[in-house]
Amino acid sequence: MSIELRYFKPHEFTQDGVVVFDKMNTSFLKKLDECRHQAGIKMSSPTSSYRSFYKNRMVGGSRHSMHLTGRAVDIPVKSGTERAKIIRAALSLGRSVGIMEIAIHIDDRDDQILFHYYENYTRK
């Protein structure tokens, strides 16, 4: 794939240590790069980007996960301020956002939504 991004590098998109940049959706990558620009902060490398069906099943992903088509990433966040800047930028660009305990999920599904994964993090 021949795409140059301002902020993200191909080696940042991996699945189990293997670079999967070539499996990412080009249009989504451009939107993600613009999200980083608008957030005005350095985003951490995605902890999850493209996933194979097997990997998606192993991590408990949705059968229709945007990760399966290379149209989603999970970005670790270190503070509430960082989280707010990323969410604000993503939503302003029409991206969907999922809020996790220590990360933000960003995707470009057709109908924008804001959701959370809190039920996955309930402490007992």
Protein backbone atom coordinates (compact mmCIF):
# COMPACT_ATOMS: atom_id res chain seq x y z
CA MET A 1 0.00 0.00 0.00
CA SER A 2 1.35 3.40 -0.92
CA ILE A 3 0.07 5.99 1.53
CA GLU A 4 2.03 8.50 3.53
CA LEU A 5 0.67 9.71 6.83
CA ARG A 6 1.88 12.75 8.78
CA TYR A 7 1.70 11.20 12.22
CA PHE A 8 1.45 7.43 12.06
CA LYS A 9 3.99 4.98 10.64
CA PRO A 10 3.27 1.58 9.06
CA HIS A 11 5.12 -0.31 11.82
CA GLU A 12 2.61 1.00 14.39
CA PHE A 13 -0.20 -1.13 12.93
CA THR A 14 0.40 -4.71 14.08
CA GLN A 15 -1.38 -7.88 15.03
CA ASP A 16 0.61 -10.15 17.35
CA GLY A 17 3.87 -8.46 16.32
CA VAL A 18 3.21 -8.69 12.56
CA VAL A 19 2.77 -5.44 10.61
CA VAL A 20 -0.75 -5.28 9.13
CA PHE A 21 -0.59 -1.77 7.67
CA ASP A 22 -1.35 -3.17 4.22
CA LYS A 23 -4.66 -4.53 5.55
CA MET A 24 -5.80 -1.14 6.87
CA ASN A 25 -8.40 0.85 4.93
CA THR A 26 -6.66 3.78 3.20
CA SER A 27 -9.56 6.18 3.65
CA PHE A 28 -9.76 5.36 7.37
CA LEU A 29 -6.01 5.91 7.80
CA LYS A 30 -6.27 9.39 6.31
CA LYS A 31 -9.15 10.18 8.66
CA LEU A 32 -7.18 8.85 11.63
CA ASP A 33 -4.20 11.01 10.69
CA GLU A 34 -6.46 14.07 10.49
CA CYS A 35 -7.92 13.16 13.87
CA ARG A 36 -4.42 13.17 15.35
CA HIS A 37 -3.76 16.57 13.75
CA GLN A 38 -6.96 18.09 15.14
CA ALA A 39 -6.41 16.60 18.61
CA GLY A 40 -3.10 18.45 18.72
CA ILE A 41 -1.37 15.79 20.81
CA LYS A 42 0.90 12.84 20.13
CA MET A 43 -1.26 9.74 20.11
CA SER A 44 0.20 6.45 21.26
CA SER A 45 0.53 3.65 18.74
CA PRO A 46 -2.66 1.61 18.34
CA THR A 47 -2.88 -1.44 20.58
CA SER A 48 -5.30 -2.93 18.07
CA SER A 49 -5.85 -2.14 14.40
CA TYR A 50 -6.67 -4.69 11.69
CA ARG A 51 -7.66 -8.08 13.14
CA SER A 52 -8.08 -11.43 11.44
CA PHE A 53 -11.35 -13.26 12.12
CA TYR A 54 -9.45 -15.66 14.40
CA LYS A 55 -7.81 -12.86 16.41
CA ASN A 56 -11.10 -10.98 16.65
CA ARG A 57 -12.82 -14.08 18.04
CA MET A 58 -9.97 -14.64 20.53
CA VAL A 59 -10.28 -11.11 21.96
CA GLY A 60 -14.08 -11.26 22.15
CA GLY A 61 -14.66 -8.79 19.32
CA SER A 62 -18.01 -8.27 17.64
CA ARG A 63 -18.85 -10.45 14.63
CA HIS A 64 -19.16 -7.20 12.66
CA SER A 65 -16.13 -5.46 14.18
CA MET A 66 -14.71 -2.59 12.16
CA HIS A 67 -11.27 -4.03 13.00
CA LEU A 68 -12.00 -6.88 10.56
CA THR A 69 -11.97 -4.44 7.64
CA GLY A 70 -9.10 -2.26 8.85
CA ARG A 71 -11.45 0.59 9.69
CA ALA A 72 -10.82 0.78 13.45
CA VAL A 73 -8.06 1.29 15.98
CA ASP A 74 -7.77 1.27 19.75
CA ILE A 75 -5.53 4.07 21.03
CA PRO A 76 -4.20 4.00 24.61
CA VAL A 77 -4.80 7.17 26.64
CA LYS A 78 -2.84 8.37 29.64
CA SER A 79 -5.10 11.07 31.08
CA GLY A 80 -8.59 12.50 31.03
CA THR A 81 -7.31 15.55 29.16
CA GLU A 82 -5.77 13.37 26.44
CA ARG A 83 -8.97 11.30 26.25
CA ALA A 84 -11.11 14.45 25.86
CA LYS A 85 -8.92 15.87 23.07
CA ILE A 86 -9.01 12.64 21.08
CA ILE A 87 -12.76 12.15 21.54
CA ARG A 88 -13.50 15.76 20.58
CA ALA A 89 -11.38 15.52 17.42
CA ALA A 90 -12.77 12.14 16.38
CA LEU A 91 -16.39 13.16 16.85
CA SER A 92 -15.88 16.47 15.04
CA LEU A 93 -14.59 14.51 12.04
CA GLY A 94 -17.62 12.19 12.03
CA ARG A 95 -15.79 9.20 13.50
CA SER A 96 -17.41 6.84 15.98
CA VAL A 97 -15.82 6.52 19.40
CA GLY A 98 -15.84 3.76 21.99
CA ILE A 99 -14.62 4.56 25.49
CA MET A 100 -12.59 1.95 27.31
CA GLU A 101 -10.95 2.08 30.70
CA ILE A 102 -7.47 2.92 29.35
CA ALA A 103 -8.05 3.41 25.62
CA ILE A 104 -10.25 4.98 22.97
CA HIS A 105 -11.69 2.98 20.06
CA ILE A 106 -12.03 5.01 16.85
CA ASP A 107 -13.77 3.78 13.70
CA ASP A 108 -15.49 5.16 10.62
CA ARG A 109 -18.76 3.23 10.48
CA ASP A 110 -21.49 4.72 8.33
CA ASP A 111 -23.66 5.99 11.21
CA GLN A 112 -21.65 7.81 13.87
CA ILE A 113 -22.10 6.58 17.44
CA LEU A 114 -20.53 7.11 20.85
CA PHE A 115 -20.41 4.02 23.04
CA HIS A 116 -18.60 2.50 26.00
CA TYR A 117 -17.17 -0.82 27.04
CA TYR A 118 -17.80 -0.36 30.76
CA GLU A 119 -19.69 -3.62 31.18
CA ASN A 120 -16.45 -5.36 30.15
CA TYR A 121 -14.57 -3.70 33.00
CA THR A 122 -16.88 -4.21 35.93
CA ARG A 123 -14.81 -5.10 38.94
CA LYS A 124 -16.13 -7.84 41.22
